[in-house]
Amino acid sequence: MPRAHPPEFRQRAVELARLRDKPVAKIAEDLGIAESCLRNWMKQADIDDGKRHGLSTDERDELVALRRKLRTAEMEVEILKRAAAWFARESLPSPK
């Protein structure tokens, strides 16, 4: 997985690209990132600024956290179901 860039770096890169002094490809090259990466950052910045429809960064982070909690809860439920079934079998009288 590529290394994450700090938010300040991303914000400054988007600002440089929005100035349109140089092509986006040249700015990305100068910064040592992929052009598609810079374009994605620009798109997300437009969403965060309300200029475009989509999930904002905060909403996306919340969605990730909620999915993680749901996955954990589903695993806990599965474990409890198995434990209940095991205890139910154990509590039955043994056949003689």
PDB file of N, CA and C in Angstrom:
ATOM      1  N   MET A   1       0.839  -1.176   0.000  1.00  0.00           N
ATOM      2  CA  MET A   1       0.000   0.000   0.000  1.00  0.00           C
ATOM      3  C   MET A   1       0.889   1.246   0.000  1.00  0.00           C
ATOM      4  N   PRO A   2       0.555   2.233  -0.825  1.00  0.00           N
ATOM      5  CA  PRO A   2       1.392   3.429  -0.875  1.00  0.00           C
ATOM      6  C   PRO A   2       1.323   4.202   0.440  1.00  0.00           C
ATOM      7  N   ARG A   3       2.359   4.946   0.693  1.00  0.00           N
ATOM      8  CA  ARG A   3       2.388   5.719   1.935  1.00  0.00           C
ATOM      9  C   ARG A   3       1.350   6.831   1.880  1.00  0.00           C
ATOM     10  N   ALA A   4       0.760   7.110   3.016  1.00  0.00           N
ATOM     11  CA  ALA A   4      -0.255   8.156   3.097  1.00  0.00           C
ATOM     12  C   ALA A   4       0.429   9.523   3.179  1.00  0.00           C
ATOM     13  N   HIS A   5      -0.185  10.483   2.550  1.00  0.00           N
ATOM     14  CA  HIS A   5       0.342  11.845   2.604  1.00  0.00           C
ATOM     15  C   HIS A   5      -0.461  12.630   3.633  1.00  0.00           C
ATOM     16  N   PRO A   6       0.182  13.525   4.363  1.00  0.00           N
ATOM     17  CA  PRO A   6      -0.533  14.304   5.373  1.00  0.00           C
ATOM     18  C   PRO A   6      -1.600  15.191   4.722  1.00  0.00           C
ATOM     19  N   PRO A   7      -2.647  15.506   5.469  1.00  0.00           N
ATOM     20  CA  PRO A   7      -3.726  16.350   4.925  1.00  0.00           C
ATOM     21  C   PRO A   7      -3.233  17.704   4.409  1.00  0.00           C
ATOM     22  N   GLU A   8      -2.228  18.263   5.069  1.00  0.00           N
ATOM     23  CA  GLU A   8      -1.695  19.569   4.639  1.00  0.00           C
ATOM     24  C   GLU A   8      -1.082  19.464   3.247  1.00  0.00           C
ATOM     25  N   PHE A   9      -0.372  18.363   3.000  1.00  0.00           N
ATOM     26  CA  PHE A   9       0.241  18.134   1.692  1.00  0.00           C
ATOM     27  C   PHE A   9      -0.846  18.024   0.626  1.00  0.00           C
ATOM     28  N   ARG A  10      -1.885  17.246   0.925  1.00  0.00           N
ATOM     29  CA  ARG A  10      -2.990  17.068  -0.028  1.00  0.00           C
ATOM     30  C   ARG A  10      -3.666  18.403  -0.326  1.00  0.00           C
ATOM     31  N   GLN A  11      -3.933  19.167   0.740  1.00  0.00           N
ATOM     32  CA  GLN A  11      -4.616  20.453   0.569  1.00  0.00           C
ATOM     33  C   GLN A  11      -3.782  21.398  -0.297  1.00  0.00           C
ATOM     34  N   ARG A  12      -2.494  21.454  -0.037  1.00  0.00           N
ATOM     35  CA  ARG A  12      -1.613  22.340  -0.818  1.00  0.00           C
ATOM     36  C   ARG A  12      -1.527  21.879  -2.275  1.00  0.00           C
ATOM     37  N   ALA A  13      -1.487  20.570  -2.490  1.00  0.00           N
ATOM     38  CA  ALA A  13      -1.443  20.039  -3.856  1.00  0.00           C
ATOM     39  C   ALA A  13      -2.708  20.417  -4.617  1.00  0.00           C
ATOM     40  N   VAL A  14      -3.846  20.325  -3.953  1.00  0.00           N
ATOM     41  CA  VAL A  14      -5.126  20.697  -4.594  1.00  0.00           C
ATOM     42  C   VAL A  14      -5.138  22.191  -4.902  1.00  0.00           C
ATOM     43  N   GLU A  15      -4.645  22.986  -3.965  1.00  0.00           N
ATOM     44  CA  GLU A  15      -4.595  24.438  -4.202  1.00  0.00           C
ATOM     45  C   GLU A  15      -3.727  24.765  -5.416  1.00  0.00           C
ATOM     46  N   LEU A  16      -2.570  24.111  -5.522  1.00  0.00           N
ATOM     47  CA  LEU A  16      -1.690  24.336  -6.672  1.00  0.00           C
ATOM     48  C   LEU A  16      -2.376  23.936  -7.976  1.00  0.00           C
ATOM     49  N   ALA A  17      -3.076  22.816  -7.955  1.00  0.00           N
ATOM     50  CA  ALA A  17      -3.753  22.349  -9.164  1.00  0.00           C
ATOM     51  C   ALA A  17      -4.888  23.286  -9.557  1.00  0.00           C
ATOM     52  N   ARG A  18      -5.568  23.856  -8.584  1.00  0.00           N
ATOM     53  CA  ARG A  18      -6.685  24.769  -8.877  1.00  0.00           C
ATOM     54  C   ARG A  18      -6.211  26.117  -9.413  1.00  0.00           C
ATOM     55  N   LEU A  19      -4.961  26.481  -9.145  1.00  0.00           N
ATOM     56  CA  LEU A  19      -4.433  27.732  -9.692  1.00  0.00           C
ATOM     57  C   LEU A  19      -4.310  27.658 -11.207  1.00  0.00           C
ATOM     58  N   ARG A  20      -4.152  26.464 -11.726  1.00  0.00           N
ATOM     59  CA  ARG A  20      -4.044  26.192 -13.159  1.00  0.00           C
ATOM     60  C   ARG A  20      -2.857  26.909 -13.812  1.00  0.00           C
ATOM     61  N   ASP A  21      -1.799  27.129 -13.043  1.00  0.00           N
ATOM     62  CA  ASP A  21      -0.580  27.698 -13.618  1.00  0.00           C
ATOM     63  C   ASP A  21       0.143  26.665 -14.473  1.00  0.00           C
ATOM     64  N   LYS A  22       0.021  25.402 -14.081  1.00  0.00           N
ATOM     65  CA  LYS A  22       0.643  24.287 -14.797  1.00  0.00           C
ATOM     66  C   LYS A  22      -0.415  23.206 -14.979  1.00  0.00           C
ATOM     67  N   PRO A  23      -0.214  22.317 -15.934  1.00  0.00           N
ATOM     68  CA  PRO A  23      -1.142  21.187 -16.081  1.00  0.00           C
ATOM     69  C   PRO A  23      -1.091  20.285 -14.842  1.00  0.00           C
ATOM     70  N   VAL A  24      -2.199  19.626 -14.561  1.00  0.00           N
ATOM     71  CA  VAL A  24      -2.301  18.743 -13.395  1.00  0.00           C
ATOM     72  C   VAL A  24      -1.219  17.661 -13.455  1.00  0.00           C
ATOM     73  N   ALA A  25      -0.956  17.138 -14.643  1.00  0.00           N
ATOM     74  CA  ALA A  25       0.054  16.090 -14.790  1.00  0.00           C
ATOM     75  C   ALA A  25       1.430  16.594 -14.355  1.00  0.00           C
ATOM     76  N   LYS A  26       1.777  17.815 -14.697  1.00  0.00           N
ATOM     77  CA  LYS A  26       3.075  18.391 -14.348  1.00  0.00           C
ATOM     78  C   LYS A  26       3.171  18.631 -12.839  1.00  0.00           C
ATOM     79  N   ILE A  27       2.095  19.135 -12.243  1.00  0.00           N
ATOM     80  CA  ILE A  27       2.087  19.370 -10.792  1.00  0.00           C
ATOM     81  C   ILE A  27       2.263  18.044 -10.057  1.00  0.00           C
ATOM     82  N   ALA A  28       1.528  17.020 -10.494  1.00  0.00           N
ATOM     83  CA  ALA A  28       1.638  15.700  -9.869  1.00  0.00           C
ATOM     84  C   ALA A  28       3.061  15.166  -9.990  1.00  0.00           C
ATOM     85  N   GLU A  29       3.637  15.314 -11.158  1.00  0.00           N
ATOM     86  CA  GLU A  29       5.014  14.844 -11.374  1.00  0.00           C
ATOM     87  C   GLU A  29       5.982  15.575 -10.451  1.00  0.00           C
ATOM     88  N   ASP A  30       5.826  16.902 -10.349  1.00  0.00           N
ATOM     89  CA  ASP A  30       6.703  17.700  -9.487  1.00  0.00           C
ATOM     90  C   ASP A  30       6.578  17.289  -8.019  1.00  0.00           C
ATOM     91  N   LEU A  31       5.374  16.899  -7.621  1.00  0.00           N
ATOM     92  CA  LEU A  31       5.137  16.513  -6.229  1.00  0.00           C
ATOM     93  C   LEU A  31       5.471  15.041  -5.960  1.00  0.00           C
ATOM     94  N   GLY A  32       5.722  14.296  -7.014  1.00  0.00           N
ATOM     95  CA  GLY A  32       6.078  12.888  -6.853  1.00  0.00           C
ATOM     96  C   GLY A  32       4.891  11.985  -6.574  1.00  0.00           C
ATOM     97  N   ILE A  33       3.731  12.365  -7.103  1.00  0.00           N
ATOM     98  CA  ILE A  33       2.536  11.543  -6.940  1.00  0.00           C
ATOM     99  C   ILE A  33       1.944  11.263  -8.324  1.00  0.00           C
ATOM    100  N   ALA A  34       1.042  10.305  -8.371  1.00  0.00           N
ATOM    101  CA  ALA A  34       0.388   9.975  -9.635  1.00  0.00           C
ATOM    102  C   ALA A  34      -0.647  11.045  -9.982  1.00  0.00           C
ATOM    103  N   GLU A  35      -0.817  11.265 -11.263  1.00  0.00           N
ATOM    104  CA  GLU A  35      -1.814  12.246 -11.720  1.00  0.00           C
ATOM    105  C   GLU A  35      -3.201  11.841 -11.241  1.00  0.00           C
ATOM    106  N   SER A  36      -3.510  10.551 -11.314  1.00  0.00           N
ATOM    107  CA  SER A  36      -4.835  10.085 -10.878  1.00  0.00           C
ATOM    108  C   SER A  36      -5.043  10.345  -9.391  1.00  0.00           C
ATOM    109  N   CYS A  37      -3.978  10.242  -8.620  1.00  0.00           N
ATOM    110  CA  CYS A  37      -4.050  10.513  -7.182  1.00  0.00           C
ATOM    111  C   CYS A  37      -4.435  11.976  -6.947  1.00  0.00           C
ATOM    112  N   LEU A  38      -3.771  12.886  -7.641  1.00  0.00           N
ATOM    113  CA  LEU A  38      -4.070  14.313  -7.497  1.00  0.00           C
ATOM    114  C   LEU A  38      -5.490  14.612  -7.965  1.00  0.00           C
ATOM    115  N   ARG A  39      -5.911  14.011  -9.045  1.00  0.00           N
ATOM    116  CA  ARG A  39      -7.283  14.225  -9.528  1.00  0.00           C
ATOM    117  C   ARG A  39      -8.309  13.708  -8.516  1.00  0.00           C
ATOM    118  N   ASN A  40      -8.020  12.574  -7.884  1.00  0.00           N
ATOM    119  CA  ASN A  40      -8.921  12.058  -6.848  1.00  0.00           C
ATOM    120  C   ASN A  40      -8.988  13.005  -5.654  1.00  0.00           C
ATOM    121  N   TRP A  41      -7.844  13.571  -5.266  1.00  0.00           N
ATOM    122  CA  TRP A  41      -7.828  14.531  -4.172  1.00  0.00           C
ATOM    123  C   TRP A  41      -8.644  15.767  -4.537  1.00  0.00           C
ATOM    124  N   MET A  42      -8.534  16.204  -5.792  1.00  0.00           N
ATOM    125  CA  MET A  42      -9.301  17.372  -6.241  1.00  0.00           C
ATOM    126  C   MET A  42     -10.798  17.066  -6.204  1.00  0.00           C
ATOM    127  N   LYS A  43     -11.158  15.891  -6.657  1.00  0.00           N
ATOM    128  CA  LYS A  43     -12.567  15.485  -6.649  1.00  0.00           C
ATOM    129  C   LYS A  43     -13.100  15.447  -5.223  1.00  0.00           C
ATOM    130  N   GLN A  44     -12.329  14.845  -4.299  1.00  0.00           N
ATOM    131  CA  GLN A  44     -12.775  14.760  -2.903  1.00  0.00           C
ATOM    132  C   GLN A  44     -12.852  16.143  -2.279  1.00  0.00           C
ATOM    133  N   ALA A  45     -11.935  17.032  -2.619  1.00  0.00           N
ATOM    134  CA  ALA A  45     -11.977  18.401  -2.099  1.00  0.00           C
ATOM    135  C   ALA A  45     -13.237  19.113  -2.590  1.00  0.00           C
ATOM    136  N   ASP A  46     -13.623  18.889  -3.850  1.00  0.00           N
ATOM    137  CA  ASP A  46     -14.857  19.479  -4.375  1.00  0.00           C
ATOM    138  C   ASP A  46     -16.071  18.947  -3.619  1.00  0.00           C
ATOM    139  N   ILE A  47     -16.068  17.666  -3.286  1.00  0.00           N
ATOM    140  CA  ILE A  47     -17.174  17.079  -2.522  1.00  0.00           C
ATOM    141  C   ILE A  47     -17.208  17.676  -1.124  1.00  0.00           C
ATOM    142  N   ASP A  48     -16.051  17.773  -0.478  1.00  0.00           N
ATOM    143  CA  ASP A  48     -15.979  18.335   0.878  1.00  0.00           C
ATOM    144  C   ASP A  48     -16.409  19.800   0.897  1.00  0.00           C
ATOM    145  N   ASP A  49     -16.133  20.523  -0.190  1.00  0.00           N
ATOM    146  CA  ASP A  49     -16.502  21.942  -0.284  1.00  0.00           C
ATOM    147  C   ASP A  49     -17.949  22.142  -0.697  1.00  0.00           C
ATOM    148  N   GLY A  50     -18.653  21.062  -1.024  1.00  0.00           N
ATOM    149  CA  GLY A  50     -20.049  21.159  -1.421  1.00  0.00           C
ATOM    150  C   GLY A  50     -20.258  21.508  -2.878  1.00  0.00           C
ATOM    151  N   LYS A  51     -19.219  21.444  -3.684  1.00  0.00           N
ATOM    152  CA  LYS A  51     -19.329  21.772  -5.110  1.00  0.00           C
ATOM    153  C   LYS A  51     -19.744  20.569  -5.937  1.00  0.00           C
ATOM    154  N   ARG A  52     -19.717  19.387  -5.315  1.00  0.00           N
ATOM    155  CA  ARG A  52     -20.015  18.141  -6.008  1.00  0.00           C
ATOM    156  C   ARG A  52     -20.774  17.220  -5.065  1.00  0.00           C
ATOM    157  N   HIS A  53     -21.564  16.331  -5.635  1.00  0.00           N
ATOM    158  CA  HIS A  53     -22.295  15.370  -4.815  1.00  0.00           C
ATOM    159  C   HIS A  53     -21.410  14.176  -4.501  1.00  0.00           C
ATOM    160  N   GLY A  54     -21.625  13.600  -3.323  1.00  0.00           N
ATOM    161  CA  GLY A  54     -20.884  12.414  -2.912  1.00  0.00           C
ATOM    162  C   GLY A  54     -20.664  12.429  -1.414  1.00  0.00           C
ATOM    163  N   LEU A  55     -19.982  11.408  -0.921  1.00  0.00           N
ATOM    164  CA  LEU A  55     -19.689  11.311   0.503  1.00  0.00           C
ATOM    165  C   LEU A  55     -18.500  12.191   0.852  1.00  0.00           C
ATOM    166  N   SER A  56     -18.693  13.043   1.853  1.00  0.00           N
ATOM    167  CA  SER A  56     -17.576  13.868   2.299  1.00  0.00           C
ATOM    168  C   SER A  56     -16.577  12.983   3.044  1.00  0.00           C
ATOM    169  N   THR A  57     -15.429  13.533   3.315  1.00  0.00           N
ATOM    170  CA  THR A  57     -14.393  12.782   4.017  1.00  0.00           C
ATOM    171  C   THR A  57     -14.890  12.344   5.383  1.00  0.00           C
ATOM    172  N   ASP A  58     -15.578  13.227   6.103  1.00  0.00           N
ATOM    173  CA  ASP A  58     -16.107  12.879   7.424  1.00  0.00           C
ATOM    174  C   ASP A  58     -17.151  11.770   7.324  1.00  0.00           C
ATOM    175  N   GLU A  59     -18.028  11.866   6.330  1.00  0.00           N
ATOM    176  CA  GLU A  59     -19.047  10.839   6.139  1.00  0.00           C
ATOM    177  C   GLU A  59     -18.403   9.502   5.783  1.00  0.00           C
ATOM    178  N   ARG A  60     -17.387   9.546   4.952  1.00  0.00           N
ATOM    179  CA  ARG A  60     -16.687   8.318   4.550  1.00  0.00           C
ATOM    180  C   ARG A  60     -16.000   7.682   5.766  1.00  0.00           C
ATOM    181  N   ASP A  61     -15.370   8.500   6.609  1.00  0.00           N
ATOM    182  CA  ASP A  61     -14.720   7.980   7.817  1.00  0.00           C
ATOM    183  C   ASP A  61     -15.744   7.359   8.757  1.00  0.00           C
ATOM    184  N   GLU A  62     -16.892   8.021   8.893  1.00  0.00           N
ATOM    185  CA  GLU A  62     -17.959   7.494   9.748  1.00  0.00           C
ATOM    186  C   GLU A  62     -18.478   6.167   9.199  1.00  0.00           C
ATOM    187  N   LEU A  63     -18.652   6.090   7.889  1.00  0.00           N
ATOM    188  CA  LEU A  63     -19.122   4.851   7.258  1.00  0.00           C
ATOM    189  C   LEU A  63     -18.148   3.703   7.500  1.00  0.00           C
ATOM    190  N   VAL A  64     -16.864   3.967   7.388  1.00  0.00           N
ATOM    191  CA  VAL A  64     -15.849   2.941   7.638  1.00  0.00           C
ATOM    192  C   VAL A  64     -15.932   2.461   9.088  1.00  0.00           C
ATOM    193  N   ALA A  65     -16.054   3.394  10.022  1.00  0.00           N
ATOM    194  CA  ALA A  65     -16.135   3.033  11.441  1.00  0.00           C
ATOM    195  C   ALA A  65     -17.391   2.214  11.725  1.00  0.00           C
ATOM    196  N   LEU A  66     -18.514   2.613  11.146  1.00  0.00           N
ATOM    197  CA  LEU A  66     -19.763   1.885  11.371  1.00  0.00           C
ATOM    198  C   LEU A  66     -19.711   0.483  10.770  1.00  0.00           C
ATOM    199  N   ARG A  67     -19.120   0.346   9.610  1.00  0.00           N
ATOM    200  CA  ARG A  67     -18.982  -0.987   9.005  1.00  0.00           C
ATOM    201  C   ARG A  67     -18.093  -1.879   9.866  1.00  0.00           C
ATOM    202  N   ARG A  68     -17.046  -1.300  10.435  1.00  0.00           N
ATOM    203  CA  ARG A  68     -16.148  -2.065  11.306  1.00  0.00           C
ATOM    204  C   ARG A  68     -16.904  -2.536  12.554  1.00  0.00           C
ATOM    205  N   LYS A  69     -17.707  -1.632  13.147  1.00  0.00           N
ATOM    206  CA  LYS A  69     -18.497  -1.996  14.330  1.00  0.00           C
ATOM    207  C   LYS A  69     -19.513  -3.082  13.988  1.00  0.00           C
ATOM    208  N   LEU A  70     -20.142  -2.964  12.837  1.00  0.00           N
ATOM    209  CA  LEU A  70     -21.117  -3.969  12.415  1.00  0.00           C
ATOM    210  C   LEU A  70     -20.453  -5.328  12.245  1.00  0.00           C
ATOM    211  N   ARG A  71     -19.295  -5.353  11.619  1.00  0.00           N
ATOM    212  CA  ARG A  71     -18.567  -6.609  11.411  1.00  0.00           C
ATOM    213  C   ARG A  71     -18.221  -7.251  12.755  1.00  0.00           C
ATOM    214  N   THR A  72     -17.789  -6.443  13.723  1.00  0.00           N
ATOM    215  CA  THR A  72     -17.472  -6.938  15.054  1.00  0.00           C
ATOM    216  C   THR A  72     -18.724  -7.489  15.731  1.00  0.00           C
ATOM    217  N   ALA A  73     -19.827  -6.764  15.653  1.00  0.00           N
ATOM    218  CA  ALA A  73     -21.075  -7.206  16.270  1.00  0.00           C
ATOM    219  C   ALA A  73     -21.564  -8.513  15.647  1.00  0.00           C
ATOM    220  N   GLU A  74     -21.436  -8.643  14.331  1.00  0.00           N
ATOM    221  CA  GLU A  74     -21.855  -9.881  13.661  1.00  0.00           C
ATOM    222  C   GLU A  74     -21.005 -11.067  14.127  1.00  0.00           C
ATOM    223  N   MET A  75     -19.699 -10.838  14.313  1.00  0.00           N
ATOM    224  CA  MET A  75     -18.838 -11.915  14.811  1.00  0.00           C
ATOM    225  C   MET A  75     -19.221 -12.299  16.240  1.00  0.00           C
ATOM    226  N   GLU A  76     -19.524 -11.296  17.075  1.00  0.00           N
ATOM    227  CA  GLU A  76     -19.916 -11.574  18.452  1.00  0.00           C
ATOM    228  C   GLU A  76     -21.213 -12.376  18.497  1.00  0.00           C
ATOM    229  N   VAL A  77     -22.175 -12.018  17.649  1.00  0.00           N
ATOM    230  CA  VAL A  77     -23.437 -12.748  17.596  1.00  0.00           C
ATOM    231  C   VAL A  77     -23.200 -14.195  17.186  1.00  0.00           C
ATOM    232  N   GLU A  78     -22.350 -14.408  16.201  1.00  0.00           N
ATOM    233  CA  GLU A  78     -22.051 -15.769  15.747  1.00  0.00           C
ATOM    234  C   GLU A  78     -21.412 -16.590  16.870  1.00  0.00           C
ATOM    235  N   ILE A  79     -20.490 -15.987  17.602  1.00  0.00           N
ATOM    236  CA  ILE A  79     -19.840 -16.678  18.726  1.00  0.00           C
ATOM    237  C   ILE A  79     -20.877 -17.030  19.788  1.00  0.00           C
ATOM    238  N   LEU A  80     -21.767 -16.092  20.099  1.00  0.00           N
ATOM    239  CA  LEU A  80     -22.793 -16.347  21.107  1.00  0.00           C
ATOM    240  C   LEU A  80     -23.764 -17.439  20.665  1.00  0.00           C
ATOM    241  N   LYS A  81     -24.108 -17.476  19.383  1.00  0.00           N
ATOM    242  CA  LYS A  81     -24.983 -18.542  18.870  1.00  0.00           C
ATOM    243  C   LYS A  81     -24.326 -19.903  19.053  1.00  0.00           C
ATOM    244  N   ARG A  82     -23.049 -19.992  18.699  1.00  0.00           N
ATOM    245  CA  ARG A  82     -22.331 -21.259  18.826  1.00  0.00           C
ATOM    246  C   ARG A  82     -22.208 -21.679  20.296  1.00  0.00           C
ATOM    247  N   ALA A  83     -21.936 -20.714  21.163  1.00  0.00           N
ATOM    248  CA  ALA A  83     -21.824 -21.019  22.588  1.00  0.00           C
ATOM    249  C   ALA A  83     -23.167 -21.496  23.136  1.00  0.00           C
ATOM    250  N   ALA A  84     -24.254 -20.846  22.743  1.00  0.00           N
ATOM    251  CA  ALA A  84     -25.582 -21.250  23.208  1.00  0.00           C
ATOM    252  C   ALA A  84     -25.910 -22.657  22.735  1.00  0.00           C
ATOM    253  N   ALA A  85     -25.571 -22.974  21.494  1.00  0.00           N
ATOM    254  CA  ALA A  85     -25.823 -24.319  20.969  1.00  0.00           C
ATOM    255  C   ALA A  85     -24.988 -25.346  21.724  1.00  0.00           C
ATOM    256  N   TRP A  86     -23.735 -25.028  22.023  1.00  0.00           N
ATOM    257  CA  TRP A  86     -22.876 -25.952  22.747  1.00  0.00           C
ATOM    258  C   TRP A  86     -23.415 -26.199  24.151  1.00  0.00           C
ATOM    259  N   PHE A  87     -23.798 -25.109  24.857  1.00  0.00           N
ATOM    260  CA  PHE A  87     -24.333 -25.269  26.209  1.00  0.00           C
ATOM    261  C   PHE A  87     -25.667 -26.017  26.195  1.00  0.00           C
ATOM    262  N   ALA A  88     -26.464 -25.835  25.155  1.00  0.00           N
ATOM    263  CA  ALA A  88     -27.734 -26.552  25.048  1.00  0.00           C
ATOM    264  C   ALA A  88     -27.472 -28.051  24.910  1.00  0.00           C
ATOM    265  N   ARG A  89     -26.474 -28.428  24.136  1.00  0.00           N
ATOM    266  CA  ARG A  89     -26.140 -29.851  23.969  1.00  0.00           C
ATOM    267  C   ARG A  89     -25.599 -30.430  25.267  1.00  0.00           C
ATOM    268  N   GLU A  90     -24.785 -29.649  25.957  1.00  0.00           N
ATOM    269  CA  GLU A  90     -24.184 -30.103  27.212  1.00  0.00           C
ATOM    270  C   GLU A  90     -25.221 -30.280  28.317  1.00  0.00           C
ATOM    271  N   SER A  91     -26.282 -29.491  28.288  1.00  0.00           N
ATOM    272  CA  SER A  91     -27.276 -29.562  29.350  1.00  0.00           C
ATOM    273  C   SER A  91     -28.286 -30.692  29.147  1.00  0.00           C
ATOM    274  N   LEU A  92     -28.291 -31.322  27.994  1.00  0.00           N
ATOM    275  CA  LEU A  92     -29.182 -32.448  27.763  1.00  0.00           C
ATOM    276  C   LEU A  92     -28.726 -33.652  28.579  1.00  0.00           C
ATOM    277  N   PRO A  93     -29.681 -34.417  29.091  1.00  0.00           N
ATOM    278  CA  PRO A  93     -29.277 -35.604  29.841  1.00  0.00           C
ATOM    279  C   PRO A  93     -28.582 -36.601  28.921  1.00  0.00           C
ATOM    280  N   SER A  94     -27.551 -37.233  29.424  1.00  0.00           N
ATOM    281  CA  SER A  94     -26.822 -38.190  28.594  1.00  0.00           C
ATOM    282  C   SER A  94     -27.635 -39.490  28.472  1.00  0.00           C
ATOM    283  N   PRO A  95     -27.666 -40.069  27.262  1.00  0.00           N
ATOM    284  CA  PRO A  95     -28.436 -41.315  27.080  1.00  0.00           C
ATOM    285  C   PRO A  95     -27.752 -42.485  27.812  1.00  0.00           C
ATOM    286  N   LYS A  96     -28.608 -43.352  28.415  1.00  0.00           N
ATOM    287  CA  LYS A  96     -28.056 -44.480  29.175  1.00  0.00           C
ATOM    288  C   LYS A  96     -28.280 -45.756  28.487  1.00  0.00           C
TER     289      LYS A  96
END
